Amino acid sequence: MERLRPKAKSPSGNREAVRKYREKKKAHTAYLEEEVRKLRVVNQQLVMRLQVQATLEAEAARLRNVLIDLRSKIDGELSSSRIESHATL
């Protein structure tokens, strides 16, 4: 019985397959490079947003401290006013 051998690809067919593979690989590489570029832009935007957020949180904390100081000064003034008004009666 005769064995059937698979047909060997012709050299030109192999070159064509290699060319297609290289084109596909080049296109995929370009796609990935574009994705990296986009992600870097998004990352930079997120870093900037975090910096703004940190600045806002620091300002909010500073304002809370100012409010606490003002409340204690007001409470102190009110207390001393009550004491003085009772002393003059």
PDB file of N, CA and C in Angstrom:
ATOM      1  N   MET A   1       0.830  -1.178   0.000  1.00  0.00           N
ATOM      2  CA  MET A   1       0.000   0.000   0.000  1.00  0.00           C
ATOM      3  C   MET A   1       0.876   1.243   0.000  1.00  0.00           C
ATOM      4  N   GLU A   2       0.442   2.197  -0.721  1.00  0.00           N
ATOM      5  CA  GLU A   2       1.213   3.421  -0.863  1.00  0.00           C
ATOM      6  C   GLU A   2       0.789   4.419   0.217  1.00  0.00           C
ATOM      7  N   ARG A   3       1.761   4.987   0.875  1.00  0.00           N
ATOM      8  CA  ARG A   3       1.460   5.991   1.896  1.00  0.00           C
ATOM      9  C   ARG A   3       1.242   7.333   1.241  1.00  0.00           C
ATOM     10  N   LEU A   4       0.273   8.036   1.792  1.00  0.00           N
ATOM     11  CA  LEU A   4      -0.003   9.363   1.272  1.00  0.00           C
ATOM     12  C   LEU A   4       0.810  10.381   2.068  1.00  0.00           C
ATOM     13  N   ARG A   5       1.560  11.140   1.366  1.00  0.00           N
ATOM     14  CA  ARG A   5       2.343  12.174   2.022  1.00  0.00           C
ATOM     15  C   ARG A   5       1.599  13.503   1.883  1.00  0.00           C
ATOM     16  N   PRO A   6       1.615  14.299   2.974  1.00  0.00           N
ATOM     17  CA  PRO A   6       0.980  15.604   2.820  1.00  0.00           C
ATOM     18  C   PRO A   6       1.802  16.429   1.834  1.00  0.00           C
ATOM     19  N   LYS A   7       1.085  17.227   1.087  1.00  0.00           N
ATOM     20  CA  LYS A   7       1.780  18.048   0.108  1.00  0.00           C
ATOM     21  C   LYS A   7       2.638  19.073   0.830  1.00  0.00           C
ATOM     22  N   ALA A   8       3.847  19.161   0.398  1.00  0.00           N
ATOM     23  CA  ALA A   8       4.720  20.188   0.954  1.00  0.00           C
ATOM     24  C   ALA A   8       4.339  21.515   0.332  1.00  0.00           C
ATOM     25  N   LYS A   9       4.325  22.548   1.183  1.00  0.00           N
ATOM     26  CA  LYS A   9       3.993  23.857   0.654  1.00  0.00           C
ATOM     27  C   LYS A   9       5.108  24.295  -0.272  1.00  0.00           C
ATOM     28  N   SER A  10       4.710  24.972  -1.282  1.00  0.00           N
ATOM     29  CA  SER A  10       5.732  25.483  -2.193  1.00  0.00           C
ATOM     30  C   SER A  10       6.460  26.626  -1.510  1.00  0.00           C
ATOM     31  N   PRO A  11       7.696  26.858  -1.858  1.00  0.00           N
ATOM     32  CA  PRO A  11       8.447  27.933  -1.207  1.00  0.00           C
ATOM     33  C   PRO A  11       7.752  29.294  -1.319  1.00  0.00           C
ATOM     34  N   SER A  12       7.098  29.550  -2.425  1.00  0.00           N
ATOM     35  CA  SER A  12       6.421  30.837  -2.567  1.00  0.00           C
ATOM     36  C   SER A  12       5.210  30.917  -1.633  1.00  0.00           C
ATOM     37  N   GLY A  13       4.534  29.791  -1.399  1.00  0.00           N
ATOM     38  CA  GLY A  13       3.410  29.756  -0.469  1.00  0.00           C
ATOM     39  C   GLY A  13       3.868  30.017   0.948  1.00  0.00           C
ATOM     40  N   ASN A  14       5.023  29.488   1.310  1.00  0.00           N
ATOM     41  CA  ASN A  14       5.575  29.708   2.634  1.00  0.00           C
ATOM     42  C   ASN A  14       5.963  31.171   2.801  1.00  0.00           C
ATOM     43  N   ARG A  15       6.553  31.748   1.781  1.00  0.00           N
ATOM     44  CA  ARG A  15       6.920  33.169   1.855  1.00  0.00           C
ATOM     45  C   ARG A  15       5.685  34.028   2.051  1.00  0.00           C
ATOM     46  N   GLU A  16       4.622  33.672   1.364  1.00  0.00           N
ATOM     47  CA  GLU A  16       3.365  34.424   1.494  1.00  0.00           C
ATOM     48  C   GLU A  16       2.813  34.318   2.910  1.00  0.00           C
ATOM     49  N   ALA A  17       2.878  33.135   3.490  1.00  0.00           N
ATOM     50  CA  ALA A  17       2.399  32.939   4.858  1.00  0.00           C
ATOM     51  C   ALA A  17       3.243  33.753   5.848  1.00  0.00           C
ATOM     52  N   VAL A  18       4.559  33.754   5.640  1.00  0.00           N
ATOM     53  CA  VAL A  18       5.451  34.525   6.509  1.00  0.00           C
ATOM     54  C   VAL A  18       5.159  36.011   6.367  1.00  0.00           C
ATOM     55  N   ARG A  19       4.938  36.488   5.155  1.00  0.00           N
ATOM     56  CA  ARG A  19       4.626  37.891   4.912  1.00  0.00           C
ATOM     57  C   ARG A  19       3.329  38.286   5.625  1.00  0.00           C
ATOM     58  N   LYS A  20       2.313  37.447   5.497  1.00  0.00           N
ATOM     59  CA  LYS A  20       1.033  37.727   6.170  1.00  0.00           C
ATOM     60  C   LYS A  20       1.203  37.742   7.685  1.00  0.00           C
ATOM     61  N   TYR A  21       1.987  36.812   8.192  1.00  0.00           N
ATOM     62  CA  TYR A  21       2.226  36.757   9.629  1.00  0.00           C
ATOM     63  C   TYR A  21       2.911  38.041  10.097  1.00  0.00           C
ATOM     64  N   ARG A  22       3.915  38.482   9.351  1.00  0.00           N
ATOM     65  CA  ARG A  22       4.639  39.700   9.727  1.00  0.00           C
ATOM     66  C   ARG A  22       3.728  40.921   9.671  1.00  0.00           C
ATOM     67  N   GLU A  23       2.880  40.999   8.662  1.00  0.00           N
ATOM     68  CA  GLU A  23       1.930  42.117   8.567  1.00  0.00           C
ATOM     69  C   GLU A  23       0.971  42.122   9.738  1.00  0.00           C
ATOM     70  N   LYS A  24       0.474  40.941  10.064  1.00  0.00           N
ATOM     71  CA  LYS A  24      -0.458  40.819  11.186  1.00  0.00           C
ATOM     72  C   LYS A  24       0.226  41.206  12.495  1.00  0.00           C
ATOM     73  N   LYS A  25       1.470  40.746  12.675  1.00  0.00           N
ATOM     74  CA  LYS A  25       2.226  41.068  13.880  1.00  0.00           C
ATOM     75  C   LYS A  25       2.501  42.570  13.950  1.00  0.00           C
ATOM     76  N   LYS A  26       2.841  43.183  12.821  1.00  0.00           N
ATOM     77  CA  LYS A  26       3.102  44.621  12.778  1.00  0.00           C
ATOM     78  C   LYS A  26       1.842  45.413  13.123  1.00  0.00           C
ATOM     79  N   ALA A  27       0.697  44.987  12.592  1.00  0.00           N
ATOM     80  CA  ALA A  27      -0.571  45.655  12.882  1.00  0.00           C
ATOM     81  C   ALA A  27      -0.919  45.520  14.367  1.00  0.00           C
ATOM     82  N   HIS A  28      -0.700  44.344  14.921  1.00  0.00           N
ATOM     83  CA  HIS A  28      -0.995  44.115  16.337  1.00  0.00           C
ATOM     84  C   HIS A  28      -0.083  44.970  17.213  1.00  0.00           C
ATOM     85  N   THR A  29       1.182  45.051  16.849  1.00  0.00           N
ATOM     86  CA  THR A  29       2.129  45.877  17.597  1.00  0.00           C
ATOM     87  C   THR A  29       1.703  47.343  17.553  1.00  0.00           C
ATOM     88  N   ALA A  30       1.296  47.818  16.389  1.00  0.00           N
ATOM     89  CA  ALA A  30       0.833  49.203  16.260  1.00  0.00           C
ATOM     90  C   ALA A  30      -0.394  49.436  17.129  1.00  0.00           C
ATOM     91  N   TYR A  31      -1.314  48.480  17.145  1.00  0.00           N
ATOM     92  CA  TYR A  31      -2.514  48.580  17.973  1.00  0.00           C
ATOM     93  C   TYR A  31      -2.130  48.679  19.453  1.00  0.00           C
ATOM     94  N   LEU A  32      -1.217  47.814  19.884  1.00  0.00           N
ATOM     95  CA  LEU A  32      -0.799  47.818  21.294  1.00  0.00           C
ATOM     96  C   LEU A  32      -0.081  49.118  21.653  1.00  0.00           C
ATOM     97  N   GLU A  33       0.725  49.631  20.747  1.00  0.00           N
ATOM     98  CA  GLU A  33       1.409  50.902  21.009  1.00  0.00           C
ATOM     99  C   GLU A  33       0.403  52.039  21.156  1.00  0.00           C
ATOM    100  N   GLU A  34      -0.643  52.029  20.347  1.00  0.00           N
ATOM    101  CA  GLU A  34      -1.687  53.049  20.451  1.00  0.00           C
ATOM    102  C   GLU A  34      -2.438  52.914  21.774  1.00  0.00           C
ATOM    103  N   GLU A  35      -2.712  51.692  22.184  1.00  0.00           N
ATOM    104  CA  GLU A  35      -3.371  51.465  23.475  1.00  0.00           C
ATOM    105  C   GLU A  35      -2.503  51.977  24.619  1.00  0.00           C
ATOM    106  N   VAL A  36      -1.203  51.733  24.552  1.00  0.00           N
ATOM    107  CA  VAL A  36      -0.282  52.223  25.583  1.00  0.00           C
ATOM    108  C   VAL A  36      -0.328  53.742  25.622  1.00  0.00           C
ATOM    109  N   ARG A  37      -0.315  54.385  24.452  1.00  0.00           N
ATOM    110  CA  ARG A  37      -0.362  55.848  24.393  1.00  0.00           C
ATOM    111  C   ARG A  37      -1.639  56.364  25.041  1.00  0.00           C
ATOM    112  N   LYS A  38      -2.775  55.758  24.701  1.00  0.00           N
ATOM    113  CA  LYS A  38      -4.057  56.176  25.281  1.00  0.00           C
ATOM    114  C   LYS A  38      -4.062  55.987  26.793  1.00  0.00           C
ATOM    115  N   LEU A  39      -3.558  54.857  27.259  1.00  0.00           N
ATOM    116  CA  LEU A  39      -3.551  54.576  28.698  1.00  0.00           C
ATOM    117  C   LEU A  39      -2.631  55.527  29.445  1.00  0.00           C
ATOM    118  N   ARG A  40      -1.540  55.927  28.815  1.00  0.00           N
ATOM    119  CA  ARG A  40      -0.657  56.908  29.452  1.00  0.00           C
ATOM    120  C   ARG A  40      -1.358  58.250  29.609  1.00  0.00           C
ATOM    121  N   VAL A  41      -2.131  58.636  28.605  1.00  0.00           N
ATOM    122  CA  VAL A  41      -2.884  59.896  28.681  1.00  0.00           C
ATOM    123  C   VAL A  41      -3.906  59.816  29.813  1.00  0.00           C
ATOM    124  N   VAL A  42      -4.634  58.711  29.872  1.00  0.00           N
ATOM    125  CA  VAL A  42      -5.637  58.528  30.935  1.00  0.00           C
ATOM    126  C   VAL A  42      -4.956  58.525  32.296  1.00  0.00           C
ATOM    127  N   ASN A  43      -3.816  57.845  32.403  1.00  0.00           N
ATOM    128  CA  ASN A  43      -3.091  57.797  33.666  1.00  0.00           C
ATOM    129  C   ASN A  43      -2.663  59.200  34.097  1.00  0.00           C
ATOM    130  N   GLN A  44      -2.170  59.986  33.160  1.00  0.00           N
ATOM    131  CA  GLN A  44      -1.750  61.348  33.475  1.00  0.00           C
ATOM    132  C   GLN A  44      -2.944  62.177  33.958  1.00  0.00           C
ATOM    133  N   GLN A  45      -4.090  62.012  33.319  1.00  0.00           N
ATOM    134  CA  GLN A  45      -5.295  62.730  33.745  1.00  0.00           C
ATOM    135  C   GLN A  45      -5.698  62.318  35.156  1.00  0.00           C
ATOM    136  N   LEU A  46      -5.612  61.033  35.451  1.00  0.00           N
ATOM    137  CA  LEU A  46      -5.973  60.549  36.786  1.00  0.00           C
ATOM    138  C   LEU A  46      -5.009  61.067  37.852  1.00  0.00           C
ATOM    139  N   VAL A  47      -3.734  61.124  37.524  1.00  0.00           N
ATOM    140  CA  VAL A  47      -2.747  61.662  38.470  1.00  0.00           C
ATOM    141  C   VAL A  47      -3.062  63.125  38.766  1.00  0.00           C
ATOM    142  N   MET A  48      -3.399  63.877  37.730  1.00  0.00           N
ATOM    143  CA  MET A  48      -3.743  65.289  37.928  1.00  0.00           C
ATOM    144  C   MET A  48      -4.989  65.427  38.789  1.00  0.00           C
ATOM    145  N   ARG A  49      -5.983  64.571  38.547  1.00  0.00           N
ATOM    146  CA  ARG A  49      -7.201  64.620  39.368  1.00  0.00           C
ATOM    147  C   ARG A  49      -6.897  64.301  40.825  1.00  0.00           C
ATOM    148  N   LEU A  50      -5.999  63.338  41.049  1.00  0.00           N
ATOM    149  CA  LEU A  50      -5.611  63.003  42.426  1.00  0.00           C
ATOM    150  C   LEU A  50      -4.905  64.172  43.099  1.00  0.00           C
ATOM    151  N   GLN A  51      -4.073  64.880  42.348  1.00  0.00           N
ATOM    152  CA  GLN A  51      -3.382  66.036  42.916  1.00  0.00           C
ATOM    153  C   GLN A  51      -4.387  67.129  43.283  1.00  0.00           C
ATOM    154  N   VAL A  52      -5.358  67.362  42.402  1.00  0.00           N
ATOM    155  CA  VAL A  52      -6.388  68.365  42.698  1.00  0.00           C
ATOM    156  C   VAL A  52      -7.190  67.930  43.918  1.00  0.00           C
ATOM    157  N   GLN A  53      -7.534  66.656  43.980  1.00  0.00           N
ATOM    158  CA  GLN A  53      -8.297  66.127  45.110  1.00  0.00           C
ATOM    159  C   GLN A  53      -7.522  66.306  46.414  1.00  0.00           C
ATOM    160  N   ALA A  54      -6.227  66.024  46.388  1.00  0.00           N
ATOM    161  CA  ALA A  54      -5.407  66.181  47.590  1.00  0.00           C
ATOM    162  C   ALA A  54      -5.358  67.646  48.017  1.00  0.00           C
ATOM    163  N   THR A  55      -5.255  68.544  47.052  1.00  0.00           N
ATOM    164  CA  THR A  55      -5.238  69.977  47.363  1.00  0.00           C
ATOM    165  C   THR A  55      -6.559  70.399  47.991  1.00  0.00           C
ATOM    166  N   LEU A  56      -7.659  69.928  47.427  1.00  0.00           N
ATOM    167  CA  LEU A  56      -8.981  70.273  47.968  1.00  0.00           C
ATOM    168  C   LEU A  56      -9.172  69.712  49.377  1.00  0.00           C
ATOM    169  N   GLU A  57      -8.708  68.494  49.603  1.00  0.00           N
ATOM    170  CA  GLU A  57      -8.834  67.903  50.935  1.00  0.00           C
ATOM    171  C   GLU A  57      -8.002  68.671  51.953  1.00  0.00           C
ATOM    172  N   ALA A  58      -6.809  69.111  51.564  1.00  0.00           N
ATOM    173  CA  ALA A  58      -5.969  69.906  52.479  1.00  0.00           C
ATOM    174  C   ALA A  58      -6.644  71.235  52.789  1.00  0.00           C
ATOM    175  N   GLU A  59      -7.234  71.869  51.787  1.00  0.00           N
ATOM    176  CA  GLU A  59      -7.934  73.141  52.004  1.00  0.00           C
ATOM    177  C   GLU A  59      -9.153  72.942  52.896  1.00  0.00           C
ATOM    178  N   ALA A  60      -9.879  71.863  52.703  1.00  0.00           N
ATOM    179  CA  ALA A  60     -11.043  71.574  53.545  1.00  0.00           C
ATOM    180  C   ALA A  60     -10.604  71.367  55.001  1.00  0.00           C
ATOM    181  N   ALA A  61      -9.504  70.652  55.196  1.00  0.00           N
ATOM    182  CA  ALA A  61      -9.002  70.437  56.564  1.00  0.00           C
ATOM    183  C   ALA A  61      -8.585  71.760  57.193  1.00  0.00           C
ATOM    184  N   ARG A  62      -7.912  72.616  56.415  1.00  0.00           N
ATOM    185  CA  ARG A  62      -7.504  73.922  56.936  1.00  0.00           C
ATOM    186  C   ARG A  62      -8.721  74.752  57.332  1.00  0.00           C
ATOM    187  N   LEU A  63      -9.751  74.743  56.492  1.00  0.00           N
ATOM    188  CA  LEU A  63     -10.964  75.507  56.787  1.00  0.00           C
ATOM    189  C   LEU A  63     -11.697  74.956  58.011  1.00  0.00           C
ATOM    190  N   ARG A  64     -11.680  73.622  58.169  1.00  0.00           N
ATOM    191  CA  ARG A  64     -12.293  73.035  59.379  1.00  0.00           C
ATOM    192  C   ARG A  64     -11.570  73.522  60.633  1.00  0.00           C
ATOM    193  N   ASN A  65     -10.247  73.582  60.556  1.00  0.00           N
ATOM    194  CA  ASN A  65      -9.474  74.073  61.708  1.00  0.00           C
ATOM    195  C   ASN A  65      -9.766  75.540  61.986  1.00  0.00           C
ATOM    196  N   VAL A  66      -9.902  76.350  60.949  1.00  0.00           N
ATOM    197  CA  VAL A  66     -10.249  77.760  61.132  1.00  0.00           C
ATOM    198  C   VAL A  66     -11.617  77.863  61.793  1.00  0.00           C
ATOM    199  N   LEU A  67     -12.555  77.052  61.351  1.00  0.00           N
ATOM    200  CA  LEU A  67     -13.901  77.064  61.922  1.00  0.00           C
ATOM    201  C   LEU A  67     -13.872  76.670  63.400  1.00  0.00           C
ATOM    202  N   ILE A  68     -13.106  75.658  63.726  1.00  0.00           N
ATOM    203  CA  ILE A  68     -12.987  75.233  65.132  1.00  0.00           C
ATOM    204  C   ILE A  68     -12.403  76.360  65.976  1.00  0.00           C
ATOM    205  N   ASP A  69     -11.347  77.015  65.456  1.00  0.00           N
ATOM    206  CA  ASP A  69     -10.743  78.132  66.199  1.00  0.00           C
ATOM    207  C   ASP A  69     -11.742  79.264  66.397  1.00  0.00           C
ATOM    208  N   LEU A  70     -12.485  79.606  65.345  1.00  0.00           N
ATOM    209  CA  LEU A  70     -13.465  80.692  65.458  1.00  0.00           C
ATOM    210  C   LEU A  70     -14.571  80.345  66.439  1.00  0.00           C
ATOM    211  N   ARG A  71     -15.028  79.107  66.404  1.00  0.00           N
ATOM    212  CA  ARG A  71     -16.076  78.703  67.354  1.00  0.00           C
ATOM    213  C   ARG A  71     -15.586  78.820  68.793  1.00  0.00           C
ATOM    214  N   SER A  72     -14.344  78.388  69.029  1.00  0.00           N
ATOM    215  CA  SER A  72     -13.843  78.470  70.408  1.00  0.00           C
ATOM    216  C   SER A  72     -13.643  79.924  70.830  1.00  0.00           C
ATOM    217  N   LYS A  73     -13.235  80.787  69.907  1.00  0.00           N
ATOM    218  CA  LYS A  73     -13.109  82.215  70.246  1.00  0.00           C
ATOM    219  C   LYS A  73     -14.479  82.819  70.544  1.00  0.00           C
ATOM    220  N   ILE A  74     -15.461  82.469  69.726  1.00  0.00           N
ATOM    221  CA  ILE A  74     -16.817  82.978  69.949  1.00  0.00           C
ATOM    222  C   ILE A  74     -17.351  82.477  71.286  1.00  0.00           C
ATOM    223  N   ASP A  75     -17.162  81.189  71.545  1.00  0.00           N
ATOM    224  CA  ASP A  75     -17.608  80.638  72.833  1.00  0.00           C
ATOM    225  C   ASP A  75     -16.908  81.338  73.991  1.00  0.00           C
ATOM    226  N   GLY A  76     -15.619  81.630  73.838  1.00  0.00           N
ATOM    227  CA  GLY A  76     -14.875  82.330  74.884  1.00  0.00           C
ATOM    228  C   GLY A  76     -15.404  83.739  75.092  1.00  0.00           C
ATOM    229  N   GLU A  77     -15.693  84.427  74.005  1.00  0.00           N
ATOM    230  CA  GLU A  77     -16.250  85.781  74.101  1.00  0.00           C
ATOM    231  C   GLU A  77     -17.624  85.762  74.752  1.00  0.00           C
ATOM    232  N   LEU A  78     -18.450  84.797  74.366  1.00  0.00           N
ATOM    233  CA  LEU A  78     -19.787  84.706  74.961  1.00  0.00           C
ATOM    234  C   LEU A  78     -19.702  84.406  76.449  1.00  0.00           C
ATOM    235  N   SER A  79     -18.784  83.529  76.818  1.00  0.00           N
ATOM    236  CA  SER A  79     -18.631  83.193  78.239  1.00  0.00           C
ATOM    237  C   SER A  79     -18.180  84.403  79.037  1.00  0.00           C
ATOM    238  N   SER A  80     -17.214  85.140  78.510  1.00  0.00           N
ATOM    239  CA  SER A  80     -16.728  86.308  79.250  1.00  0.00           C
ATOM    240  C   SER A  80     -17.793  87.400  79.290  1.00  0.00           C
ATOM    241  N   SER A  81     -18.602  87.520  78.265  1.00  0.00           N
ATOM    242  CA  SER A  81     -19.689  88.511  78.263  1.00  0.00           C
ATOM    243  C   SER A  81     -20.726  88.170  79.315  1.00  0.00           C
ATOM    244  N   ARG A  82     -21.042  86.922  79.474  1.00  0.00           N
ATOM    245  CA  ARG A  82     -22.027  86.499  80.476  1.00  0.00           C
ATOM    246  C   ARG A  82     -21.500  86.770  81.878  1.00  0.00           C
ATOM    247  N   ILE A  83     -20.227  86.490  82.068  1.00  0.00           N
ATOM    248  CA  ILE A  83     -19.637  86.711  83.387  1.00  0.00           C
ATOM    249  C   ILE A  83     -19.650  88.195  83.719  1.00  0.00           C
ATOM    250  N   GLU A  84     -19.278  89.047  82.752  1.00  0.00           N
ATOM    251  CA  GLU A  84     -19.263  90.488  82.983  1.00  0.00           C
ATOM    252  C   GLU A  84     -20.675  91.028  83.241  1.00  0.00           C
ATOM    253  N   SER A  85     -21.654  90.531  82.510  1.00  0.00           N
ATOM    254  CA  SER A  85     -23.029  91.031  82.699  1.00  0.00           C
ATOM    255  C   SER A  85     -23.582  90.617  84.058  1.00  0.00           C
ATOM    256  N   HIS A  86     -23.199  89.420  84.530  1.00  0.00           N
ATOM    257  CA  HIS A  86     -23.634  88.986  85.860  1.00  0.00           C
ATOM    258  C   HIS A  86     -22.903  89.771  86.941  1.00  0.00           C
ATOM    259  N   ALA A  87     -21.693  90.161  86.702  1.00  0.00           N
ATOM    260  CA  ALA A  87     -20.901  90.890  87.698  1.00  0.00           C
ATOM    261  C   ALA A  87     -21.424  92.306  87.876  1.00  0.00           C
ATOM    262  N   THR A  88     -21.967  92.901  86.851  1.00  0.00           N
ATOM    263  CA  THR A  88     -22.461  94.283  86.947  1.00  0.00           C
ATOM    264  C   THR A  88     -23.863  94.325  87.533  1.00  0.00           C
ATOM    265  N   LEU A  89     -24.520  93.221  87.620  1.00  0.00           N
ATOM    266  CA  LEU A  89     -25.883  93.230  88.172  1.00  0.00           C
ATOM    267  C   LEU A  89     -25.873  93.309  89.628  1.00  0.00           C
TER     268      LEU A  89
END
